[in-house]
């Protein structure tokens, strides 16, 4: 059975969200920067022996499309939060984006991957690997990858990681629901047994009461016999 997963790619403008997404979906590198309003891609992959149909939403990084972004977050199951290692502000902006995801999903644990893109631009780098690791730790050890959309470094790995997180979360939810059903079933059986015991107790008591009444009646009759001596 094929699973359908919607993945949302979030981040500031110019960090390479579209380049990472297109590289993953089509295997090509898009160098020119064209501010994205919203693009949707589909890709069929296999993860741990399971066929997965991914719908990937490449979102806008500019402020005027925040209302649209909220709609994407509501429908998304997994999230790639992307910053550029050449732009310190892009990492700072992700802090607010993550809080927005947690608020809209109303969950503490959401399938998520942190991506530091443009790792191939060594001369322009202003953020180290340690900066990304630090944020990952602050977020509760969210998986972190430094990627290069140009060379496809860690691109597939990042997407597959978030898919695995979604699969794990769904398995946990399914197990919890099954456990809850079993508990409800057990409680219902115990309730039925209790009712049966109580019913049996009432019947026994009635029988004993009737026996006592019958015995008393017999004694009363035997005491009422008398003899007349002439």
Protein backbone atom coordinates (compact mmCIF):
# COMPACT_ATOMS: atom_id res chain seq x y z
CA UNK A 1 0.00 0.00 0.00
CA UNK A 2 1.38 3.39 -1.01
CA UNK A 3 1.57 6.16 1.56
CA UNK A 4 0.86 9.79 0.67
CA UNK A 5 2.91 12.39 2.54
CA UNK A 6 2.90 16.15 2.22
CA UNK A 7 6.25 17.81 2.97
CA UNK A 8 6.64 21.57 3.36
CA UNK A 9 9.94 23.36 2.69
CA UNK A 10 10.30 26.53 4.77
CA UNK A 11 12.95 29.22 5.06
CA UNK A 12 13.92 32.80 4.28
CA UNK A 13 14.14 34.07 0.72
CA UNK A 14 17.29 33.22 -1.21
CA UNK A 15 18.46 30.30 0.94
CA UNK A 16 18.02 27.77 -1.88
CA UNK A 17 14.74 26.08 -0.97
CA UNK A 18 13.75 25.73 -4.63
CA UNK A 19 17.23 24.53 -5.65
CA UNK A 20 17.20 21.82 -2.97
CA UNK A 21 13.66 20.74 -3.87
CA UNK A 22 14.24 20.61 -7.63
CA UNK A 23 17.52 18.75 -7.12
CA UNK A 24 15.71 16.11 -5.06
CA UNK A 25 12.71 15.79 -7.39
CA UNK A 26 14.31 16.21 -10.83
CA UNK A 27 18.02 15.70 -10.22
CA UNK A 28 19.01 19.04 -11.72
CA UNK A 29 20.54 22.17 -10.23
CA UNK A 30 18.68 25.47 -10.69
CA UNK A 31 21.21 28.27 -10.28
CA UNK A 32 19.14 31.38 -11.04
CA UNK A 33 17.09 32.83 -8.18
CA UNK A 34 13.43 33.49 -8.87
CA UNK A 35 11.41 34.40 -5.76
CA UNK A 36 8.88 31.64 -5.25
CA UNK A 37 5.25 32.24 -4.39
CA UNK A 38 4.51 28.53 -4.12
CA UNK A 39 5.45 25.49 -6.18
CA UNK A 40 4.25 21.95 -5.74
CA UNK A 41 6.19 18.85 -6.79
CA UNK A 42 5.47 15.13 -6.63
CA UNK A 43 7.96 12.30 -6.32
CA UNK A 44 7.50 8.58 -5.76
CA UNK A 45 10.22 7.02 -3.62
CA UNK A 46 10.72 3.90 -1.54
CA UNK A 47 11.73 4.22 2.09
CA UNK A 48 12.50 1.12 4.16
CA UNK A 49 10.63 -1.06 1.68
CA UNK A 50 7.52 1.12 1.60
CA UNK A 51 6.34 3.08 -1.44
CA UNK A 52 5.80 6.74 -0.61
CA UNK A 53 4.12 9.33 -2.83
CA UNK A 54 5.50 12.69 -1.75
CA UNK A 55 3.84 16.03 -2.39
CA UNK A 56 6.48 18.69 -1.73
CA UNK A 57 5.46 22.31 -1.23
CA UNK A 58 8.20 24.83 -1.94
CA UNK A 59 6.96 27.92 -0.08
CA UNK A 60 7.64 31.62 -0.39
CA UNK A 61 10.31 33.14 1.80
CA UNK A 62 8.88 36.66 1.73
CA UNK A 63 6.67 38.23 4.38
CA UNK A 64 3.64 39.03 2.21
CA UNK A 65 2.83 35.34 1.76
CA UNK A 66 2.68 34.41 5.45
CA UNK A 67 -1.09 33.73 5.27
CA UNK A 68 -0.51 31.16 2.52
CA UNK A 69 2.32 29.66 4.54
CA UNK A 70 -0.04 28.99 7.45
CA UNK A 71 -2.30 26.97 5.16
CA UNK A 72 0.66 24.88 4.00
CA UNK A 73 1.76 24.24 7.57
CA UNK A 74 -1.72 23.05 8.56
CA UNK A 75 -1.75 20.47 5.77
CA UNK A 76 1.90 19.41 6.04
CA UNK A 77 3.04 16.21 7.73
CA UNK A 78 6.78 16.89 7.66
CA UNK A 79 8.92 20.00 7.39
CA UNK A 80 12.33 20.93 6.01
CA UNK A 81 13.57 24.16 7.58
CA UNK A 82 16.28 25.62 5.36
CA UNK A 83 18.83 28.35 6.01
CA UNK A 84 21.95 29.42 4.14
CA UNK A 85 25.40 29.04 5.71
CA UNK A 86 26.21 32.35 3.98
CA UNK A 87 23.44 34.29 5.77
CA UNK A 88 23.26 34.48 9.56
CA UNK A 89 19.85 36.15 9.50
CA UNK A 90 18.36 33.22 7.61
CA UNK A 91 19.11 30.95 10.56
CA UNK A 92 17.64 33.46 13.02
CA UNK A 93 14.46 33.59 10.93
CA UNK A 94 14.07 29.83 11.22
CA UNK A 95 13.63 30.13 14.98
CA UNK A 96 10.37 32.02 14.44
CA UNK A 97 9.31 29.66 11.63
CA UNK A 98 9.72 26.62 13.86
CA UNK A 99 7.63 28.24 16.60
CA UNK A 100 4.96 28.94 14.00
CA UNK A 101 4.94 25.29 12.93
CA UNK A 102 4.60 24.04 16.51
CA UNK A 103 1.85 26.57 17.25
CA UNK A 104 -0.22 25.77 14.17
CA UNK A 105 0.19 22.00 14.49
CA UNK A 106 -0.39 22.27 18.27
CA UNK A 107 2.21 19.60 18.89
CA UNK A 108 5.54 19.48 20.70
CA UNK A 109 7.01 16.86 18.39
CA UNK A 110 6.64 17.45 14.65
CA UNK A 111 8.58 15.55 11.94
CA UNK A 112 11.26 18.07 10.99
CA UNK A 113 14.76 18.41 9.54
CA UNK A 114 17.11 21.38 9.82
CA UNK A 115 19.11 22.14 6.67
CA UNK A 116 22.13 24.43 6.29
CA UNK A 117 22.30 24.91 2.52
CA UNK A 118 25.09 26.22 0.24
CA UNK A 119 27.78 24.27 2.06
CA UNK A 120 29.89 24.39 -1.13
CA UNK A 121 30.36 28.19 -0.83
CA UNK A 122 33.33 28.06 1.54
CA UNK A 123 34.53 31.60 0.76
CA UNK A 124 31.12 33.10 1.58
CA UNK A 125 30.39 30.99 4.67
CA UNK A 126 29.53 32.91 7.86
CA UNK A 127 27.95 30.03 9.81
CA UNK A 128 29.85 26.93 10.87
CA UNK A 129 28.61 23.37 11.22
CA UNK A 130 28.65 23.91 14.97
CA UNK A 131 26.13 26.74 14.61
CA UNK A 132 23.68 24.32 13.00
CA UNK A 133 24.39 21.61 15.56
CA UNK A 134 23.72 24.08 18.37
CA UNK A 135 20.28 24.97 16.97
CA UNK A 136 19.53 21.28 16.43
CA UNK A 137 20.29 20.62 20.10
CA UNK A 138 18.14 23.56 21.19
CA UNK A 139 15.27 22.05 19.19
CA UNK A 140 15.55 18.69 20.92
CA UNK A 141 18.10 17.04 18.61
CA UNK A 142 16.20 17.69 15.38
CA UNK A 143 18.15 15.97 12.56
CA UNK A 144 20.57 18.43 10.95
CA UNK A 145 22.22 18.31 7.52
CA UNK A 146 24.50 20.68 5.68
CA UNK A 147 23.55 20.44 2.01
CA UNK A 148 24.76 21.59 -1.36
CA UNK A 149 22.01 21.84 -3.96
CA UNK A 150 24.70 22.24 -6.62
CA UNK A 151 26.42 18.94 -5.83
CA UNK A 152 23.35 17.22 -4.32
CA UNK A 153 25.22 16.72 -1.05
CA UNK A 154 22.90 15.32 1.65
CA UNK A 155 19.81 16.40 -0.31
CA UNK A 156 18.24 12.94 -0.65
CA UNK A 157 19.25 12.08 2.90
CA UNK A 158 17.42 15.10 4.34
CA UNK A 159 14.15 14.31 2.55
CA UNK A 160 14.32 10.61 3.40
CA UNK A 161 14.98 11.47 7.04
CA UNK A 162 11.80 13.54 7.35
CA UNK A 163 9.79 10.78 5.61
CA UNK A 164 11.10 8.24 8.15
CA UNK A 165 10.03 10.56 10.96
CA UNK A 166 6.51 10.78 9.51
CA UNK A 167 6.33 6.98 9.19
CA UNK A 168 7.52 6.53 12.77
CA UNK A 169 5.00 9.04 14.10
CA UNK A 170 2.14 7.37 12.24
CA UNK A 171 3.21 3.98 13.61
CA UNK A 172 3.25 5.37 17.15
CA UNK A 173 -0.21 6.91 16.75
CA UNK A 174 -1.54 3.64 15.34
CA UNK A 175 -0.05 1.65 18.24
CA UNK A 176 -1.54 4.09 20.77
CA UNK A 177 -4.99 3.82 19.19
CA UNK A 178 -4.77 0.01 19.20
CA UNK A 179 -3.70 0.02 22.85
CA UNK A 180 -6.56 2.35 23.73
CA UNK A 181 -9.08 0.09 21.99
CA UNK A 182 -7.73 -2.97 23.81
CA UNK A 183 -7.99 -1.12 27.12
CA UNK A 184 -11.58 -0.09 26.40
CA UNK A 185 -12.44 -3.67 25.42
CA UNK A 186 -10.89 -5.00 28.63
CA UNK A 187 -12.76 -2.45 30.73
CA UNK A 188 -16.02 -3.39 29.02
CA UNK A 189 -15.43 -7.11 29.74
CA UNK A 190 -14.64 -6.37 33.37
CA UNK A 191 -17.80 -4.30 33.59
CA UNK A 192 -19.87 -7.17 32.17
CA UNK A 193 -18.33 -9.62 34.66
CA UNK A 194 -19.06 -7.28 37.53
CA UNK A 195 -22.68 -6.96 36.43
CA UNK A 196 -23.00 -10.75 36.19
CA UNK A 197 -21.57 -11.23 39.69
CA UNK A 198 -23.89 -8.63 41.12
CA UNK A 199 -26.84 -10.23 39.37
CA UNK A 200 -25.89 -13.66 40.70
CA UNK A 201 -25.60 -12.21 44.22
CA UNK A 202 -29.12 -10.82 44.07
CA UNK A 203 -30.57 -14.14 42.89
CA UNK A 204 -28.81 -16.12 45.64
CA UNK A 205 -30.01 -13.71 48.25
CA UNK A 206 -33.58 -14.05 47.00
CA UNK A 207 -33.33 -17.83 47.13
CA UNK A 208 -32.00 -17.76 50.71
CA UNK A 209 -34.76 -15.37 51.71
CA UNK A 210 -37.39 -17.64 50.21
CA UNK A 211 -35.86 -20.68 51.97
CA UNK A 212 -35.95 -18.90 55.32
CA UNK A 213 -39.55 -17.89 54.75
CA UNK A 214 -40.48 -21.48 53.84
CA UNK A 215 -38.76 -22.92 56.92
CA UNK A 216 -40.43 -20.39 59.18
CA UNK A 217 -43.80 -21.22 57.66
CA UNK A 218 -43.31 -24.95 58.30
CA UNK A 219 -42.32 -24.33 61.91
CA UNK A 220 -45.35 -22.17 62.40
CA UNK A 221 -47.64 -24.89 61.07
CA UNK A 222 -46.09 -27.56 63.32
CA UNK A 223 -46.50 -25.38 66.40
CA UNK A 224 -50.16 -24.72 65.61
CA UNK A 225 -51.16 -28.45 65.89
CA UNK A 226 -53.00 -29.34 69.14
CA UNK A 227 -54.74 -32.32 70.80
CA UNK A 228 -58.18 -32.34 72.51
CA UNK A 229 -58.46 -34.69 75.49
CA UNK A 230 -61.90 -35.84 76.17
